[in-house]
Amino acid sequence: MAARASTEAFSKNGGDGSYSCNCNSSFQVVPSPFLLSAHLGCSVGPNTFIAVKNIIECVEQKCHQSQGLDSQVIDFQVFFNDHVANDFNTLFKSLPRDRRYLLCSRCPRFLLWSLILHFVNSSYSLQWLSKVPKEVVDKNSPAWNKGRIYYSSAPNEVIQAYSTQFSRDMGSFLKARAEELVCGGLMALLIPCVPVGTPPSQSPLRAVVDLLGESLLDMADMGLVSEDKVDSFNFPKYNPTPPELEYLIESNGCFTIVKMEPTVRAPVADGSAPTIQVFMLHLRAAWEPLIKQHFGSEIIEELFVQFTKKVAKSSTLSESSYKTVLELFVLLQRKTG
């Protein structure tokens, strides 16, 4: 989850069970005497430690190459940040024993301190909205999203409501980070986007949520959940296009875009599509708390049985489909003015 204040925030599955984020996070593997770094949206999986390790190694290498500094003279302090409901106990029990940094504290939501951070990292967090757009659950609104849980196959009014909410959230995020980063400080973001011109229905990132919606409607037909309950549920997630994200950053005015680089990669190391079992475990680790929050825990097992069947029959996991998944790497620098 992104580091945003929200009364509707949910965390990923904690603990270390079969459906925990700790065991299902491989899809997201990503100069001063004191260097303070923050990992926003740290969750509980080991990928957060991999990201911090990579950051520290890059800084040490840069300092050695450009200034001849011994890495031992640099003290690193790291803030792990996420929503209050995040399972920090599991996160801290998993801290690497050979880590070369001090753990400052756990920092839910905004960090609140001004101009202290040198580097901020956030991976696969900013696509999560702070809340569902209120228009899509309002029966009197032209953006009421009846019969759907997402904007993939929805009218333009629904798409615009999601886009507007993302704009608000991104604006709040950038404003807060501008207050926390020192002048010249860096922020690295990794966010799933969609290529310009790709219809929502052709994006596997969106299509899989539609399959979840179909599964919920099937359960409503079976009398396992009410139709009204399904109509009031919408997925709080939005994937922007690169130009859309660039516009929001430039509108903020506090950051220089050092690099904005789209990358296309397969979600597993050998370049093949993941197995259905692995894919569903990842989805369940990330999505189950959100579903439980709205529907309760009674429907979870049957829902994921139905959901898995639909995903298995679709082309969502095909290699060609995943080649259209776009990850956008963005490196920002806090302006000095």
Protein backbone atom coordinates (compact mmCIF):
# COMPACT_ATOMS: atom_id res chain seq x y z
CA MET A 1 0.00 0.00 0.00
CA ALA A 2 1.12 3.54 -0.61
CA ALA A 3 2.00 5.86 2.24
CA ARG A 4 -1.19 7.89 2.30
CA ALA A 5 -3.58 8.77 5.07
CA SER A 6 -6.88 6.97 4.61
CA THR A 7 -9.80 5.75 6.67
CA GLU A 8 -10.35 3.01 4.09
CA ALA A 9 -6.79 1.71 4.01
CA PHE A 10 -6.15 -2.01 4.00
CA SER A 11 -2.95 -3.96 4.42
CA LYS A 12 -1.74 -7.10 2.71
CA ASN A 13 -1.90 -10.49 4.41
CA GLY A 14 0.47 -10.57 7.39
CA GLY A 15 2.12 -13.45 9.21
CA ASP A 16 3.98 -16.23 7.44
CA GLY A 17 1.19 -18.58 6.35
CA SER A 18 0.44 -19.97 2.90
CA TYR A 19 -1.49 -16.88 1.82
CA SER A 20 0.76 -14.28 3.46
CA CYS A 21 2.54 -11.55 1.56
CA ASN A 22 5.74 -12.68 3.26
CA CYS A 23 5.60 -15.94 1.29
CA ASN A 24 4.13 -14.46 -1.90
CA SER A 25 6.00 -11.31 -2.89
CA SER A 26 8.41 -12.34 -5.63
CA PHE A 27 6.48 -10.49 -8.37
CA GLN A 28 7.63 -7.18 -6.85
CA VAL A 29 11.34 -7.85 -6.38
CA VAL A 30 12.97 -4.67 -6.72
CA PRO A 31 26.61 10.88 0.24
CA SER A 32 26.57 11.96 3.91
CA PRO A 33 27.95 10.61 7.20
CA PHE A 34 24.31 9.74 7.92
CA LEU A 35 22.09 8.78 5.02
CA LEU A 36 18.41 8.49 5.84
CA SER A 37 16.27 6.38 3.55
CA ALA A 38 12.57 5.52 3.60
CA HIS A 39 10.82 2.57 1.98
CA LEU A 40 7.19 3.53 1.50
CA GLY A 41 4.64 0.74 1.22
CA CYS A 42 7.08 -1.73 2.77
CA SER A 43 4.43 -4.41 3.49
CA VAL A 44 5.85 -7.58 5.09
CA GLY A 45 7.55 -9.47 2.28
CA PRO A 46 11.31 -10.02 1.89
CA ASN A 47 11.35 -7.87 -1.25
CA THR A 48 11.43 -4.77 0.95
CA PHE A 49 14.82 -5.84 2.35
CA ILE A 50 16.11 -6.61 -1.13
CA ALA A 51 15.21 -3.08 -2.23
CA VAL A 52 16.97 -1.50 0.75
CA LYS A 53 20.06 -3.68 0.22
CA ASN A 54 20.26 -2.64 -3.44
CA ILE A 55 19.90 1.03 -2.55
CA ILE A 56 22.66 0.88 0.05
CA GLU A 57 25.04 -0.97 -2.25
CA CYS A 58 24.47 1.56 -5.04
CA VAL A 59 25.11 4.51 -2.70
CA GLU A 60 28.28 2.90 -1.34
CA GLN A 61 29.55 2.23 -4.85
CA LYS A 62 28.79 5.78 -5.97
CA CYS A 63 30.52 7.30 -2.96
CA HIS A 64 33.57 5.16 -3.48
CA GLN A 65 33.83 5.90 -7.20
CA SER A 66 33.17 9.65 -7.06
CA GLN A 67 34.67 10.60 -3.70
CA GLY A 68 36.93 7.72 -2.74
CA LEU A 69 35.02 7.21 0.50
CA ASP A 70 35.23 3.99 2.45
CA SER A 71 31.72 2.56 2.75
CA GLN A 72 32.36 1.96 6.44
CA VAL A 73 32.26 5.71 7.19
CA ILE A 74 28.65 6.02 6.02
CA ASP A 75 25.91 5.23 8.50
CA PHE A 76 22.58 4.32 6.96
CA GLN A 77 19.29 4.75 8.76
CA VAL A 78 16.13 3.27 7.25
CA PHE A 79 12.46 4.01 7.88
CA PHE A 80 10.01 1.24 6.95
CA ASN A 81 6.68 2.87 6.24
CA ASP A 82 3.20 1.55 5.58
CA HIS A 83 -0.36 1.80 6.88
CA VAL A 84 -1.04 1.31 10.57
CA ALA A 85 -2.65 -2.10 9.92
CA ASN A 86 0.51 -3.44 8.27
CA ASP A 87 2.04 -6.50 10.00
CA PHE A 88 5.18 -4.80 11.30
CA ASN A 89 5.79 -7.63 13.78
CA THR A 90 6.40 -10.10 10.95
CA LEU A 91 8.44 -7.51 9.05
CA PHE A 92 10.80 -6.84 11.94
CA LYS A 93 11.14 -10.52 12.87
CA SER A 94 12.41 -11.05 9.31
CA LEU A 95 15.06 -8.31 9.38
CA PRO A 96 18.32 -9.59 7.84
CA ARG A 97 20.93 -10.29 10.50
CA ASP A 98 23.71 -9.01 8.26
CA ARG A 99 22.02 -5.69 7.49
CA ARG A 100 24.28 -2.66 7.34
CA TYR A 101 21.76 -0.06 8.49
CA LEU A 102 20.02 1.16 11.60
CA LEU A 103 16.27 0.75 11.90
CA CYS A 104 14.94 4.12 12.98
CA SER A 105 11.36 3.10 13.74
CA ARG A 106 8.21 1.89 12.10
CA CYS A 107 6.45 4.85 10.54
CA PRO A 108 2.78 4.40 9.66
CA ARG A 109 1.27 6.75 7.09
CA PHE A 110 3.09 10.05 6.62
CA LEU A 111 6.53 10.49 8.14
CA LEU A 112 5.71 14.01 9.42
CA TRP A 113 9.30 15.27 9.68
CA SER A 114 10.54 18.00 7.36
CA LEU A 115 13.62 17.90 5.16
CA ILE A 116 15.42 14.92 6.70
CA LEU A 117 15.32 12.17 4.09
CA HIS A 118 18.01 11.69 1.46
CA PHE A 119 16.37 8.87 -0.48
CA VAL A 120 12.82 7.52 -0.77
CA ASN A 121 11.77 4.31 -2.47
CA SER A 122 8.26 3.12 -3.29
CA SER A 123 7.56 0.03 -5.42
CA TYR A 124 4.17 -1.20 -6.54
CA SER A 125 2.31 1.01 -4.08
CA LEU A 126 1.10 4.14 -5.82
CA GLN A 127 -1.41 2.35 -8.01
CA TRP A 128 -3.51 1.73 -4.88
CA LEU A 129 -6.01 4.52 -4.27
CA SER A 130 -6.55 5.93 -0.80
CA LYS A 131 -10.26 5.25 -1.23
CA VAL A 132 -12.84 4.18 -3.77
CA PRO A 133 -14.13 7.20 -5.74
CA LYS A 134 -17.41 8.14 -4.05
CA GLU A 135 -19.16 8.66 -7.39
CA VAL A 136 -18.88 5.00 -8.42
CA VAL A 137 -20.93 3.77 -5.45
CA ASP A 138 -23.53 6.56 -5.62
CA LYS A 139 -26.74 5.28 -7.21
CA ASN A 140 -27.66 8.84 -8.22
CA SER A 141 -24.35 9.50 -9.96
CA PRO A 142 -23.76 9.00 -13.71
CA ALA A 143 -20.55 7.23 -12.61
CA TRP A 144 -22.40 4.58 -10.58
CA ASN A 145 -20.56 1.37 -11.42
CA LYS A 146 -23.41 -1.12 -11.03
CA GLY A 147 -22.59 -4.70 -11.98
CA ARG A 148 -18.84 -4.07 -12.07
CA ILE A 149 -16.09 -3.80 -9.45
CA TYR A 150 -13.57 -1.91 -11.61
CA TYR A 151 -13.30 0.59 -14.44
CA SER A 152 -11.99 -1.80 -17.13
CA SER A 153 -15.24 -2.20 -19.07
CA ALA A 154 -17.03 0.76 -17.50
CA PRO A 155 -18.37 3.98 -19.09
CA ASN A 156 -16.15 7.04 -19.38
CA GLU A 157 -17.72 8.59 -16.26
CA VAL A 158 -16.38 5.73 -14.14
CA ILE A 159 -12.94 5.89 -15.72
CA GLN A 160 -12.81 9.63 -15.09
CA ALA A 161 -13.79 9.17 -11.44
CA TYR A 162 -10.92 6.73 -10.95
CA SER A 163 -8.49 9.02 -12.79
CA THR A 164 -9.54 12.01 -10.69
CA GLN A 165 -9.05 10.10 -7.43
CA PHE A 166 -5.60 8.97 -8.56
CA SER A 167 -4.71 12.59 -9.36
CA ARG A 168 -5.74 13.69 -5.87
CA ASP A 169 -3.79 10.89 -4.21
CA MET A 170 -0.68 11.46 -6.30
CA GLY A 171 -0.82 15.17 -5.53
CA SER A 172 -1.00 14.47 -1.79
CA PHE A 173 1.82 11.94 -2.03
CA LEU A 174 4.16 14.30 -3.89
CA LYS A 175 3.36 17.20 -1.56
CA ALA A 176 4.22 15.12 1.51
CA ARG A 177 7.42 13.75 0.02
CA ALA A 178 8.51 17.26 -1.00
CA GLU A 179 8.25 18.27 2.67
CA GLU A 180 10.36 15.30 3.82
CA LEU A 181 13.16 15.13 1.25
CA VAL A 182 16.22 17.33 1.57
CA CYS A 183 16.92 19.61 -1.37
CA GLY A 184 18.61 17.46 -3.98
CA GLY A 185 17.26 14.29 -2.37
CA LEU A 186 16.14 11.45 -4.63
CA MET A 187 12.93 9.45 -4.87
CA ALA A 188 12.65 6.22 -6.89
CA LEU A 189 9.23 4.94 -7.87
CA LEU A 190 8.18 1.73 -9.59
CA ILE A 191 4.57 1.74 -10.68
CA PRO A 192 2.59 -0.48 -13.05
CA CYS A 193 1.18 1.56 -15.91
CA VAL A 194 -0.60 0.90 -19.17
CA PRO A 195 0.79 1.81 -22.59
CA VAL A 196 -0.80 4.78 -24.31
CA GLY A 197 -3.64 3.66 -26.55
CA THR A 198 -4.20 0.32 -24.82
CA PRO A 199 -7.95 -0.17 -24.27
CA PRO A 200 -8.80 -1.05 -20.65
CA SER A 201 -10.26 -4.38 -21.74
CA GLN A 202 -6.95 -5.43 -23.31
CA SER A 203 -4.82 -4.86 -20.23
CA PRO A 204 -4.12 -8.05 -18.25
CA LEU A 205 -3.71 -5.95 -15.12
CA ARG A 206 -7.31 -4.84 -15.46
CA ALA A 207 -8.73 -8.00 -16.99
CA VAL A 208 -7.87 -10.09 -13.95
CA VAL A 209 -9.88 -7.75 -11.70
CA ASP A 210 -12.82 -8.14 -14.07
CA LEU A 211 -12.58 -11.90 -13.55
CA LEU A 212 -12.78 -11.34 -9.80
CA GLY A 213 -15.91 -9.25 -10.40
CA GLU A 214 -17.45 -12.03 -12.48
CA SER A 215 -16.71 -14.49 -9.67
CA LEU A 216 -18.46 -12.26 -7.14
CA LEU A 217 -21.51 -11.95 -9.41
CA ASP A 218 -21.59 -15.73 -9.78
CA MET A 219 -21.63 -16.02 -6.01
CA ALA A 220 -24.48 -13.54 -5.87
CA ASP A 221 -26.41 -15.72 -8.34
CA MET A 222 -25.77 -18.69 -6.03
CA GLY A 223 -27.15 -16.74 -3.09
CA LEU A 224 -23.82 -16.70 -1.24
CA VAL A 225 -23.63 -12.91 -1.21
CA SER A 226 -26.15 -10.17 -1.97
CA GLU A 227 -26.12 -8.35 -5.29
CA ASP A 228 -26.25 -5.02 -3.46
CA LYS A 229 -23.11 -6.00 -1.58
CA VAL A 230 -21.34 -6.66 -4.88
CA ASP A 231 -22.60 -3.39 -6.38
CA SER A 232 -21.15 -1.46 -3.43
CA PHE A 233 -17.71 -3.03 -3.85
CA ASN A 234 -15.15 -1.41 -6.14
CA PHE A 235 -11.46 -2.13 -6.46
CA PRO A 236 -9.39 0.88 -5.26
CA LYS A 237 -6.64 0.59 -7.84
CA TYR A 238 -5.69 2.69 -10.86
CA ASN A 239 -2.94 2.23 -13.43
CA PRO A 240 -2.04 5.49 -15.19
CA THR A 241 -0.39 5.97 -18.55
CA PRO A 242 3.18 7.34 -18.53
CA PRO A 243 2.10 10.78 -19.87
CA GLU A 244 -0.61 10.95 -17.20
CA LEU A 245 1.94 10.31 -14.45
CA GLU A 246 4.45 12.73 -15.96
CA TYR A 247 1.83 15.49 -16.04
CA LEU A 248 0.99 15.02 -12.35
CA ILE A 249 4.66 15.15 -11.34
CA GLU A 250 5.32 18.29 -13.36
CA SER A 251 2.16 19.92 -12.01
CA ASN A 252 3.45 19.45 -8.47
CA GLY A 253 6.48 21.56 -9.31
CA CYS A 254 8.74 20.31 -6.51
CA PHE A 255 10.61 17.61 -8.41
CA THR A 256 12.83 17.30 -11.43
CA ILE A 257 12.29 14.13 -13.45
CA VAL A 258 15.77 12.62 -13.69
CA LYS A 259 14.57 9.47 -15.43
CA MET A 260 11.23 8.07 -16.51
CA GLU A 261 11.87 4.75 -18.13
CA PRO A 262 9.24 2.19 -19.13
CA THR A 263 10.32 -1.40 -18.77
CA VAL A 264 8.55 -4.54 -19.91
CA ARG A 265 9.48 -7.74 -18.14
CA ALA A 266 8.12 -11.18 -17.45
CA PRO A 267 6.96 -11.70 -13.85
CA VAL A 268 9.25 -14.69 -13.27
CA ALA A 269 12.99 -15.10 -13.73
CA ASP A 270 13.02 -17.49 -16.70
CA GLY A 271 10.78 -15.22 -18.79
CA SER A 272 7.82 -17.59 -18.86
CA ALA A 273 4.35 -16.93 -17.53
CA PRO A 274 3.73 -17.97 -13.90
CA THR A 275 1.78 -21.09 -13.05
CA ILE A 276 -1.84 -20.63 -12.08
CA GLN A 277 -1.07 -21.74 -8.52
CA VAL A 278 1.74 -19.21 -8.05
CA PHE A 279 -0.25 -16.43 -9.66
CA MET A 280 -3.30 -16.98 -7.47
CA LEU A 281 -1.20 -17.14 -4.30
CA HIS A 282 0.23 -13.73 -5.11
CA LEU A 283 -3.21 -12.28 -5.77
CA ARG A 284 -4.65 -13.76 -2.61
CA ALA A 285 -1.79 -12.46 -0.46
CA ALA A 286 -2.41 -8.93 -1.72
CA TRP A 287 -6.19 -8.85 -2.20
CA GLU A 288 -7.70 -11.03 0.52
CA PRO A 289 -7.75 -8.33 3.26
CA LEU A 290 -9.55 -5.92 0.93
CA ILE A 291 -12.21 -8.52 0.10
CA LYS A 292 -12.61 -9.60 3.74
CA GLN A 293 -13.05 -6.00 4.80
CA HIS A 294 -16.12 -5.66 2.59
CA PHE A 295 -17.64 -9.14 2.41
CA GLY A 296 -16.36 -10.87 5.55
CA SER A 297 -14.26 -14.02 5.72
CA GLU A 298 -17.03 -16.57 5.05
CA ILE A 299 -16.90 -16.30 1.26
CA ILE A 300 -13.13 -16.24 0.79
CA GLU A 301 -12.44 -19.92 0.12
CA GLU A 302 -15.29 -20.42 -2.33
CA LEU A 303 -14.58 -17.10 -4.01
CA PHE A 304 -10.97 -18.01 -4.76
CA VAL A 305 -12.03 -21.42 -6.02
CA GLN A 306 -14.36 -19.75 -8.54
CA PHE A 307 -11.83 -17.02 -9.30
CA THR A 308 -9.04 -19.53 -9.96
CA LYS A 309 -11.21 -21.44 -12.42
CA LYS A 310 -11.94 -18.28 -14.40
CA VAL A 311 -8.30 -17.19 -14.50
CA ALA A 312 -7.24 -20.68 -15.61
CA LYS A 313 -9.66 -20.56 -18.54
CA SER A 314 -8.60 -17.08 -19.63
CA SER A 315 -5.53 -15.96 -21.55
CA THR A 316 -4.41 -13.73 -18.69
CA LEU A 317 -1.32 -15.78 -17.91
CA SER A 318 -0.15 -16.21 -21.50
CA GLU A 319 3.36 -15.01 -22.26
CA SER A 320 2.13 -12.71 -25.02
CA SER A 321 -0.36 -11.13 -22.64
CA TYR A 322 2.31 -10.34 -20.08
CA LYS A 323 4.45 -8.60 -22.68
CA THR A 324 1.89 -5.79 -22.58
CA VAL A 325 2.45 -5.24 -18.84
CA LEU A 326 4.30 -1.97 -18.40
CA GLU A 327 6.38 -1.09 -15.37
CA LEU A 328 7.44 2.51 -15.17
CA PHE A 329 10.62 3.38 -13.31
CA VAL A 330 10.69 7.02 -12.22
CA LEU A 331 13.63 8.77 -10.56
CA LEU A 332 12.83 12.18 -9.12
CA GLN A 333 15.07 14.78 -7.51
CA ARG A 334 13.84 17.36 -5.01
CA LYS A 335 14.33 20.82 -6.46
CA THR A 336 16.48 23.25 -4.53
CA GLY A 337 14.20 26.21 -5.05
